[in-house]
Amino acid sequence: MGVSVGEEILEERRRRRRAGDPRLSAEGREILRRVTRGDLQPEFQAALDADLVADADLGGEHPDQAD
């Protein structure tokens, strides 16, 4: 039995993930590193925290949600 199209797509995604996604440039990787672990991290975390407060869906406080 052959490999399904879905399996082929998943395998291609695995190959890309293991090899590093070529769509992300060296400059993009550096910015991502700075945002998540470097000098831009405090500003990034503050923006995430602000989004959690401003958006009930993200903050887990959706008014339609039953307790």
N, C-alpha and C. Protein backbone atom coordinates (compact mmCIF):
# COMPACT_ATOMS: atom_id res chain seq x y z
N MET A 1 0.85 -1.18 0.00
CA MET A 1 0.00 0.00 0.00
C MET A 1 0.89 1.24 0.00
N GLY A 2 0.53 2.26 -0.77
CA GLY A 2 1.32 3.48 -0.91
C GLY A 2 1.11 4.45 0.24
N VAL A 3 1.88 5.51 0.19
CA VAL A 3 1.80 6.57 1.19
C VAL A 3 0.71 7.55 0.76
N SER A 4 -0.15 7.93 1.70
CA SER A 4 -1.22 8.86 1.37
C SER A 4 -0.67 10.28 1.22
N VAL A 5 -1.47 11.13 0.60
CA VAL A 5 -1.08 12.52 0.40
C VAL A 5 -0.88 13.20 1.76
N GLY A 6 -1.76 12.93 2.73
CA GLY A 6 -1.64 13.50 4.06
C GLY A 6 -0.33 13.11 4.73
N GLU A 7 0.05 11.85 4.58
CA GLU A 7 1.32 11.39 5.16
C GLU A 7 2.51 12.06 4.50
N GLU A 8 2.41 12.26 3.18
CA GLU A 8 3.49 12.94 2.46
C GLU A 8 3.64 14.38 2.96
N ILE A 9 2.53 15.06 3.17
CA ILE A 9 2.57 16.44 3.65
C ILE A 9 3.18 16.50 5.04
N LEU A 10 2.76 15.60 5.92
CA LEU A 10 3.32 15.57 7.27
C LEU A 10 4.82 15.28 7.25
N GLU A 11 5.23 14.36 6.40
CA GLU A 11 6.65 14.04 6.31
C GLU A 11 7.45 15.23 5.79
N GLU A 12 6.91 15.95 4.83
CA GLU A 12 7.59 17.14 4.32
C GLU A 12 7.72 18.20 5.41
N ARG A 13 6.68 18.39 6.20
CA ARG A 13 6.75 19.34 7.32
C ARG A 13 7.80 18.91 8.33
N ARG A 14 7.90 17.62 8.61
CA ARG A 14 8.92 17.12 9.54
C ARG A 14 10.32 17.40 8.99
N ARG A 15 10.51 17.15 7.69
CA ARG A 15 11.83 17.41 7.07
C ARG A 15 12.20 18.88 7.20
N ARG A 16 11.24 19.76 6.92
CA ARG A 16 11.50 21.20 7.02
C ARG A 16 11.84 21.60 8.45
N ARG A 17 11.09 21.07 9.40
CA ARG A 17 11.32 21.41 10.80
C ARG A 17 12.71 20.95 11.24
N ARG A 18 13.10 19.74 10.83
CA ARG A 18 14.43 19.23 11.20
C ARG A 18 15.54 20.01 10.54
N ALA A 19 15.31 20.48 9.31
CA ALA A 19 16.34 21.19 8.55
C ALA A 19 16.35 22.68 8.86
N GLY A 20 15.36 23.17 9.54
CA GLY A 20 15.23 24.60 9.74
C GLY A 20 14.42 25.16 8.58
N ASP A 21 13.41 25.92 8.87
CA ASP A 21 12.53 26.43 7.83
C ASP A 21 13.28 27.45 6.98
N PRO A 22 13.45 27.17 5.69
CA PRO A 22 14.20 28.08 4.83
C PRO A 22 13.50 29.41 4.60
N ARG A 23 12.22 29.52 4.95
CA ARG A 23 11.52 30.79 4.75
C ARG A 23 11.94 31.83 5.78
N LEU A 24 12.59 31.41 6.85
CA LEU A 24 13.05 32.33 7.88
C LEU A 24 14.51 32.66 7.61
N SER A 25 14.76 33.91 7.32
CA SER A 25 16.12 34.34 6.98
C SER A 25 16.98 34.40 8.24
N ALA A 26 18.26 34.57 8.06
CA ALA A 26 19.18 34.71 9.19
C ALA A 26 18.80 35.94 10.02
N GLU A 27 18.41 37.02 9.33
CA GLU A 27 17.99 38.23 10.04
C GLU A 27 16.70 37.97 10.82
N GLY A 28 15.78 37.23 10.22
CA GLY A 28 14.53 36.89 10.90
C GLY A 28 14.77 36.03 12.13
N ARG A 29 15.68 35.07 12.02
CA ARG A 29 16.03 34.23 13.18
C ARG A 29 16.62 35.07 14.30
N GLU A 30 17.45 36.05 13.95
CA GLU A 30 18.07 36.91 14.96
C GLU A 30 17.01 37.76 15.66
N ILE A 31 16.08 38.30 14.91
CA ILE A 31 15.01 39.09 15.53
C ILE A 31 14.17 38.21 16.44
N LEU A 32 13.83 37.02 15.98
CA LEU A 32 13.05 36.09 16.80
C LEU A 32 13.80 35.74 18.08
N ARG A 33 15.10 35.51 17.98
CA ARG A 33 15.90 35.21 19.16
C ARG A 33 15.88 36.39 20.14
N ARG A 34 16.03 37.59 19.61
CA ARG A 34 16.04 38.79 20.48
C ARG A 34 14.69 38.99 21.16
N VAL A 35 13.60 38.72 20.44
CA VAL A 35 12.26 38.91 20.99
C VAL A 35 11.98 37.88 22.09
N THR A 36 12.41 36.66 21.90
CA THR A 36 12.06 35.61 22.85
C THR A 36 13.08 35.42 23.97
N ARG A 37 14.36 35.77 23.73
CA ARG A 37 15.37 35.53 24.77
C ARG A 37 16.34 36.67 24.98
N GLY A 38 16.27 37.68 24.16
CA GLY A 38 17.28 38.73 24.21
C GLY A 38 16.78 40.05 24.73
N ASP A 39 17.36 41.10 24.19
CA ASP A 39 17.09 42.45 24.69
C ASP A 39 15.68 42.95 24.39
N LEU A 40 14.98 42.35 23.46
CA LEU A 40 13.61 42.76 23.16
C LEU A 40 12.57 41.98 23.95
N GLN A 41 12.99 41.01 24.74
CA GLN A 41 12.07 40.14 25.46
C GLN A 41 11.15 40.90 26.42
N PRO A 42 11.63 41.88 27.21
CA PRO A 42 10.71 42.58 28.11
C PRO A 42 9.56 43.28 27.38
N GLU A 43 9.85 43.93 26.25
CA GLU A 43 8.81 44.59 25.48
C GLU A 43 7.83 43.58 24.88
N PHE A 44 8.37 42.46 24.41
CA PHE A 44 7.53 41.41 23.84
C PHE A 44 6.61 40.84 24.91
N GLN A 45 7.14 40.56 26.09
CA GLN A 45 6.33 40.02 27.18
C GLN A 45 5.27 41.02 27.61
N ALA A 46 5.61 42.30 27.67
CA ALA A 46 4.63 43.33 28.03
C ALA A 46 3.50 43.37 27.01
N ALA A 47 3.82 43.24 25.73
CA ALA A 47 2.79 43.24 24.70
C ALA A 47 1.89 42.02 24.82
N LEU A 48 2.48 40.86 25.11
CA LEU A 48 1.68 39.66 25.31
C LEU A 48 0.75 39.81 26.51
N ASP A 49 1.28 40.33 27.61
CA ASP A 49 0.48 40.54 28.81
C ASP A 49 -0.67 41.50 28.54
N ALA A 50 -0.41 42.56 27.79
CA ALA A 50 -1.45 43.53 27.45
C ALA A 50 -2.53 42.87 26.60
N ASP A 51 -2.13 42.01 25.67
CA ASP A 51 -3.12 41.29 24.84
C ASP A 51 -3.99 40.38 25.70
N LEU A 52 -3.41 39.73 26.68
CA LEU A 52 -4.19 38.85 27.56
C LEU A 52 -5.22 39.63 28.36
N VAL A 53 -4.86 40.82 28.81
CA VAL A 53 -5.79 41.65 29.56
C VAL A 53 -6.88 42.20 28.65
N ALA A 54 -6.51 42.62 27.44
CA ALA A 54 -7.44 43.27 26.53
C ALA A 54 -8.39 42.30 25.84
N ASP A 55 -8.00 41.04 25.68
CA ASP A 55 -8.81 40.07 24.93
C ASP A 55 -9.28 38.96 25.86
N ALA A 56 -10.57 38.93 26.14
CA ALA A 56 -11.13 37.95 27.07
C ALA A 56 -10.90 36.51 26.59
N ASP A 57 -10.94 36.29 25.28
CA ASP A 57 -10.71 34.94 24.76
C ASP A 57 -9.29 34.46 25.05
N LEU A 58 -8.31 35.33 24.86
CA LEU A 58 -6.93 34.96 25.12
C LEU A 58 -6.65 34.83 26.62
N GLY A 59 -7.28 35.68 27.41
CA GLY A 59 -7.03 35.68 28.85
C GLY A 59 -7.80 34.62 29.61
N GLY A 60 -8.66 33.87 28.92
CA GLY A 60 -9.39 32.80 29.58
C GLY A 60 -10.57 33.28 30.38
N GLU A 61 -11.06 34.49 30.15
CA GLU A 61 -12.15 35.07 30.93
C GLU A 61 -13.33 35.38 30.02
N HIS A 62 -13.62 34.49 29.10
CA HIS A 62 -14.71 34.74 28.15
C HIS A 62 -16.04 34.81 28.89
N PRO A 63 -16.84 35.87 28.66
CA PRO A 63 -18.09 36.03 29.39
C PRO A 63 -19.14 34.94 29.11
N ASP A 64 -19.06 34.28 27.96
CA ASP A 64 -20.01 33.23 27.63
C ASP A 64 -19.63 31.88 28.24
N GLN A 65 -18.47 31.81 28.82
CA GLN A 65 -17.96 30.56 29.37
C GLN A 65 -18.60 30.27 30.71
N ALA A 66 -19.14 29.07 30.86
CA ALA A 66 -19.77 28.69 32.13
C ALA A 66 -18.71 28.19 33.09
N ASP A 67 -18.92 28.51 34.37
CA ASP A 67 -17.98 28.04 35.39
C ASP A 67 -18.29 26.66 35.86
